[in-house]
Amino acid sequence: MAGQTSAGVLLFRMRPGGLEVLLAHMGGPYWARKDAGAWTIPKGECGPGEDHQAAALREFEEELGRPAPVTEMIPLGSLKQSGGKTVIVWTAEGDFDPTTAVSNLFDMEWPPGSGRVQAFPEVDRVGWFDLQTARDKLVRAQGGFLDRLVAATAAGD
């Protein structure tokens, strides 16, 4: 994983209670019973030479089943995760109905050592969260993007 680059879109919307962000719960058996720290910004790996913003939009659609409903994308920069992966994120204001999300699938041997390959969704659920709840649910290494979002939109908790 070291040296990989992923790109994603952090969708936000304003509600009477404040700013909300759209997060995706990681799919597969390792994440099935986890909640805190098991959600992510919809993102995925950039191909060699691929434009990072184009990759972010592609990955949003692959993981959620519909294009990102965005007009203006604001760059939030990049952060390095503990495993060495660099994550580059853009934010955009828009709405998305989580009940319509349909993720792409990945194959893995499950249970381990069984020789049986099963398909699992990359994302098994999607939800809107206020900033405090999002901080609790989001993978720790991506939390800095929430601070950058607040600064970029001049919105607060």
C-alpha atoms as a PDB file:
ATOM      1  CA  MET A   1       0.000   0.000   0.000  1.00  0.00           C
ATOM      2  CA  ALA A   2       2.936   2.349   0.593  1.00  0.00           C
ATOM      3  CA  GLY A   3       3.178   4.879  -2.194  1.00  0.00           C
ATOM      4  CA  GLN A   4      -0.419   4.445  -3.358  1.00  0.00           C
ATOM      5  CA  THR A   5      -2.551   7.494  -4.012  1.00  0.00           C
ATOM      6  CA  SER A   6      -6.308   7.585  -3.575  1.00  0.00           C
ATOM      7  CA  ALA A   7      -8.676  10.418  -4.416  1.00  0.00           C
ATOM      8  CA  GLY A   8     -12.165  11.169  -3.195  1.00  0.00           C
ATOM      9  CA  VAL A   9     -15.060  13.583  -2.876  1.00  0.00           C
ATOM     10  CA  LEU A  10     -16.333  14.749   0.515  1.00  0.00           C
ATOM     11  CA  LEU A  11     -19.890  15.846  -0.223  1.00  0.00           C
ATOM     12  CA  PHE A  12     -21.453  18.308   2.233  1.00  0.00           C
ATOM     13  CA  ARG A  13     -24.794  19.996   2.737  1.00  0.00           C
ATOM     14  CA  MET A  14     -26.098  22.699   5.033  1.00  0.00           C
ATOM     15  CA  ARG A  15     -28.985  21.869   7.343  1.00  0.00           C
ATOM     16  CA  PRO A  16     -30.705  23.933  10.054  1.00  0.00           C
ATOM     17  CA  GLY A  17     -28.517  22.171  12.641  1.00  0.00           C
ATOM     18  CA  GLY A  18     -25.323  22.899  10.709  1.00  0.00           C
ATOM     19  CA  LEU A  19     -23.078  21.280   8.172  1.00  0.00           C
ATOM     20  CA  GLU A  20     -23.409  17.559   7.346  1.00  0.00           C
ATOM     21  CA  VAL A  21     -21.038  15.295   5.403  1.00  0.00           C
ATOM     22  CA  LEU A  22     -21.664  12.135   3.400  1.00  0.00           C
ATOM     23  CA  LEU A  23     -19.581   9.157   4.530  1.00  0.00           C
ATOM     24  CA  ALA A  24     -19.387   5.559   3.367  1.00  0.00           C
ATOM     25  CA  HIS A  25     -19.061   2.514   5.634  1.00  0.00           C
ATOM     26  CA  MET A  26     -16.356   0.152   4.425  1.00  0.00           C
ATOM     27  CA  GLY A  27     -17.725  -3.149   3.197  1.00  0.00           C
ATOM     28  CA  GLY A  28     -16.491  -6.668   3.673  1.00  0.00           C
ATOM     29  CA  PRO A  29     -16.323  -8.998   6.636  1.00  0.00           C
ATOM     30  CA  TYR A  30     -13.540  -7.165   8.502  1.00  0.00           C
ATOM     31  CA  TRP A  31     -15.658  -4.015   8.879  1.00  0.00           C
ATOM     32  CA  ALA A  32     -19.130  -5.575   9.201  1.00  0.00           C
ATOM     33  CA  ARG A  33     -19.454  -5.198  12.986  1.00  0.00           C
ATOM     34  CA  LYS A  34     -17.449  -1.998  13.362  1.00  0.00           C
ATOM     35  CA  ASP A  35     -18.821   1.524  13.416  1.00  0.00           C
ATOM     36  CA  ALA A  36     -16.429   4.004  15.048  1.00  0.00           C
ATOM     37  CA  GLY A  37     -13.439   4.432  12.747  1.00  0.00           C
ATOM     38  CA  ALA A  38     -14.999   2.259  10.025  1.00  0.00           C
ATOM     39  CA  TRP A  39     -16.379   5.017   7.784  1.00  0.00           C
ATOM     40  CA  THR A  40     -14.515   6.749   4.995  1.00  0.00           C
ATOM     41  CA  ILE A  41     -14.746   9.534   2.474  1.00  0.00           C
ATOM     42  CA  PRO A  42     -15.864   7.897  -0.801  1.00  0.00           C
ATOM     43  CA  LYS A  43     -12.507   7.437  -2.502  1.00  0.00           C
ATOM     44  CA  GLY A  44     -10.335   5.000  -4.362  1.00  0.00           C
ATOM     45  CA  GLU A  45      -7.021   4.368  -5.999  1.00  0.00           C
ATOM     46  CA  CYS A  46      -5.776   6.588  -8.802  1.00  0.00           C
ATOM     47  CA  GLY A  47      -4.548   4.820 -11.894  1.00  0.00           C
ATOM     48  CA  PRO A  48      -1.057   5.509 -13.252  1.00  0.00           C
ATOM     49  CA  GLY A  49      -1.029   8.997 -14.778  1.00  0.00           C
ATOM     50  CA  GLU A  50      -4.742   9.504 -14.026  1.00  0.00           C
ATOM     51  CA  ASP A  51      -5.908  13.016 -13.176  1.00  0.00           C
ATOM     52  CA  HIS A  52      -6.609  12.982  -9.423  1.00  0.00           C
ATOM     53  CA  GLN A  53      -9.835  14.969  -9.626  1.00  0.00           C
ATOM     54  CA  ALA A  54     -11.139  12.709 -12.395  1.00  0.00           C
ATOM     55  CA  ALA A  55     -10.241   9.693 -10.236  1.00  0.00           C
ATOM     56  CA  ALA A  56     -12.129  11.198  -7.277  1.00  0.00           C
ATOM     57  CA  LEU A  57     -15.279  11.599  -9.383  1.00  0.00           C
ATOM     58  CA  ARG A  58     -14.912   8.113 -10.885  1.00  0.00           C
ATOM     59  CA  GLU A  59     -14.476   6.520  -7.484  1.00  0.00           C
ATOM     60  CA  PHE A  60     -17.493   8.322  -6.027  1.00  0.00           C
ATOM     61  CA  GLU A  61     -19.637   6.866  -8.799  1.00  0.00           C
ATOM     62  CA  GLU A  62     -18.110   3.373  -8.495  1.00  0.00           C
ATOM     63  CA  GLU A  63     -18.575   3.228  -4.739  1.00  0.00           C
ATOM     64  CA  LEU A  64     -22.022   4.830  -4.537  1.00  0.00           C
ATOM     65  CA  GLY A  65     -23.557   3.895  -7.892  1.00  0.00           C
ATOM     66  CA  ARG A  66     -24.326   7.441  -9.047  1.00  0.00           C
ATOM     67  CA  PRO A  67     -22.223  10.412 -10.133  1.00  0.00           C
ATOM     68  CA  ALA A  68     -21.312  12.986  -7.516  1.00  0.00           C
ATOM     69  CA  PRO A  69     -23.932  15.773  -7.665  1.00  0.00           C
ATOM     70  CA  VAL A  70     -21.370  18.572  -7.814  1.00  0.00           C
ATOM     71  CA  THR A  71     -20.821  21.785  -9.648  1.00  0.00           C
ATOM     72  CA  GLU A  72     -17.824  23.429  -7.987  1.00  0.00           C
ATOM     73  CA  MET A  73     -15.168  21.242  -6.376  1.00  0.00           C
ATOM     74  CA  ILE A  74     -12.954  22.785  -3.696  1.00  0.00           C
ATOM     75  CA  PRO A  75      -9.582  21.100  -3.120  1.00  0.00           C
ATOM     76  CA  LEU A  76      -8.910  20.041   0.471  1.00  0.00           C
ATOM     77  CA  GLY A  77      -5.390  18.857  -0.274  1.00  0.00           C
ATOM     78  CA  SER A  78      -3.838  15.565   0.743  1.00  0.00           C
ATOM     79  CA  LEU A  79      -3.085  13.616   3.908  1.00  0.00           C
ATOM     80  CA  LYS A  80      -0.889  10.576   4.393  1.00  0.00           C
ATOM     81  CA  GLN A  81      -2.441   7.603   6.163  1.00  0.00           C
ATOM     82  CA  SER A  82      -0.474   5.423   8.585  1.00  0.00           C
ATOM     83  CA  GLY A  83       0.039   2.691   5.974  1.00  0.00           C
ATOM     84  CA  GLY A  84       1.737   5.185   3.649  1.00  0.00           C
ATOM     85  CA  LYS A  85      -1.187   5.809   1.296  1.00  0.00           C
ATOM     86  CA  THR A  86      -1.722   9.429   0.252  1.00  0.00           C
ATOM     87  CA  VAL A  87      -5.363  10.501   0.116  1.00  0.00           C
ATOM     88  CA  ILE A  88      -6.326  13.570  -1.950  1.00  0.00           C
ATOM     89  CA  VAL A  89      -9.801  15.009  -1.393  1.00  0.00           C
ATOM     90  CA  TRP A  90     -12.082  17.601  -2.951  1.00  0.00           C
ATOM     91  CA  THR A  91     -15.254  18.836  -1.335  1.00  0.00           C
ATOM     92  CA  ALA A  92     -18.458  19.969  -2.963  1.00  0.00           C
ATOM     93  CA  GLU A  93     -21.896  21.003  -1.808  1.00  0.00           C
ATOM     94  CA  GLY A  94     -24.646  18.715  -2.974  1.00  0.00           C
ATOM     95  CA  ASP A  95     -27.276  16.240  -1.912  1.00  0.00           C
ATOM     96  CA  PHE A  96     -27.355  12.481  -2.232  1.00  0.00           C
ATOM     97  CA  ASP A  97     -29.990   9.987  -1.117  1.00  0.00           C
ATOM     98  CA  PRO A  98     -28.101   7.269   0.808  1.00  0.00           C
ATOM     99  CA  THR A  99     -30.880   4.758   0.115  1.00  0.00           C
ATOM    100  CA  THR A 100     -29.982   4.823  -3.592  1.00  0.00           C
ATOM    101  CA  ALA A 101     -26.315   3.891  -3.087  1.00  0.00           C
ATOM    102  CA  VAL A 102     -25.191   0.724  -4.864  1.00  0.00           C
ATOM    103  CA  SER A 103     -21.521  -0.131  -4.497  1.00  0.00           C
ATOM    104  CA  ASN A 104     -19.190  -2.006  -6.771  1.00  0.00           C
ATOM    105  CA  LEU A 105     -17.901  -5.367  -5.505  1.00  0.00           C
ATOM    106  CA  PHE A 106     -14.501  -6.826  -4.644  1.00  0.00           C
ATOM    107  CA  ASP A 107     -13.503 -10.471  -4.340  1.00  0.00           C
ATOM    108  CA  MET A 108     -11.642 -11.976  -1.413  1.00  0.00           C
ATOM    109  CA  GLU A 109     -11.064 -15.380   0.087  1.00  0.00           C
ATOM    110  CA  TRP A 110     -13.510 -15.791   2.957  1.00  0.00           C
ATOM    111  CA  PRO A 111     -13.199 -17.302   5.436  1.00  0.00           C
ATOM    112  CA  PRO A 112      -9.400 -16.984   5.309  1.00  0.00           C
ATOM    113  CA  GLY A 113      -7.689 -20.192   4.262  1.00  0.00           C
ATOM    114  CA  SER A 114     -10.952 -21.725   3.013  1.00  0.00           C
ATOM    115  CA  GLY A 115     -10.113 -21.441  -0.674  1.00  0.00           C
ATOM    116  CA  ARG A 116     -13.603 -19.981  -1.165  1.00  0.00           C
ATOM    117  CA  VAL A 117     -13.735 -16.602  -2.910  1.00  0.00           C
ATOM    118  CA  GLN A 118     -16.702 -14.372  -2.158  1.00  0.00           C
ATOM    119  CA  ALA A 119     -17.792 -10.988  -3.486  1.00  0.00           C
ATOM    120  CA  PHE A 120     -18.403  -8.118  -1.067  1.00  0.00           C
ATOM    121  CA  PRO A 121     -19.476  -4.509  -1.652  1.00  0.00           C
ATOM    122  CA  GLU A 122     -16.699  -1.935  -1.235  1.00  0.00           C
ATOM    123  CA  VAL A 123     -19.257   0.184   0.619  1.00  0.00           C
ATOM    124  CA  ASP A 124     -22.083  -1.474   2.529  1.00  0.00           C
ATOM    125  CA  ARG A 125     -23.917   1.659   3.672  1.00  0.00           C
ATOM    126  CA  VAL A 126     -23.852   5.422   3.275  1.00  0.00           C
ATOM    127  CA  GLY A 127     -25.022   8.170   5.586  1.00  0.00           C
ATOM    128  CA  TRP A 128     -25.129  11.873   6.333  1.00  0.00           C
ATOM    129  CA  PHE A 129     -23.552  12.962   9.619  1.00  0.00           C
ATOM    130  CA  ASP A 130     -23.067  16.204  11.504  1.00  0.00           C
ATOM    131  CA  LEU A 131     -19.406  17.088  11.999  1.00  0.00           C
ATOM    132  CA  GLN A 132     -19.081  15.755  15.554  1.00  0.00           C
ATOM    133  CA  THR A 133     -20.625  12.402  14.674  1.00  0.00           C
ATOM    134  CA  ALA A 134     -18.503  12.251  11.508  1.00  0.00           C
ATOM    135  CA  ARG A 135     -15.336  12.761  13.600  1.00  0.00           C
ATOM    136  CA  ASP A 136     -16.267   9.680  15.647  1.00  0.00           C
ATOM    137  CA  LYS A 137     -17.144   7.500  12.661  1.00  0.00           C
ATOM    138  CA  LEU A 138     -14.444   8.499  10.181  1.00  0.00           C
ATOM    139  CA  VAL A 139     -11.149   6.646   9.837  1.00  0.00           C
ATOM    140  CA  ARG A 140      -8.824   8.622  12.110  1.00  0.00           C
ATOM    141  CA  ALA A 141      -6.314   9.447   9.347  1.00  0.00           C
ATOM    142  CA  GLN A 142      -9.030  11.261   7.366  1.00  0.00           C
ATOM    143  CA  GLY A 143     -10.259  13.482  10.214  1.00  0.00           C
ATOM    144  CA  GLY A 144      -8.064  16.374   9.092  1.00  0.00           C
ATOM    145  CA  PHE A 145     -10.250  16.737   6.010  1.00  0.00           C
ATOM    146  CA  LEU A 146     -13.177  17.743   8.242  1.00  0.00           C
ATOM    147  CA  ASP A 147     -11.108  20.605   9.685  1.00  0.00           C
ATOM    148  CA  ARG A 148     -10.142  21.665   6.170  1.00  0.00           C
ATOM    149  CA  LEU A 149     -13.793  21.513   5.096  1.00  0.00           C
ATOM    150  CA  VAL A 150     -14.795  23.812   7.964  1.00  0.00           C
ATOM    151  CA  ALA A 151     -12.051  26.270   7.000  1.00  0.00           C
ATOM    152  CA  ALA A 152     -12.944  26.117   3.293  1.00  0.00           C
ATOM    153  CA  THR A 153     -16.657  26.687   3.833  1.00  0.00           C
ATOM    154  CA  ALA A 154     -16.418  28.939   6.903  1.00  0.00           C
ATOM    155  CA  ALA A 155     -18.950  26.577   8.516  1.00  0.00           C
ATOM    156  CA  GLY A 156     -18.656  25.222  12.012  1.00  0.00           C
ATOM    157  CA  ASP A 157     -19.794  22.565  14.422  1.00  0.00           C
END
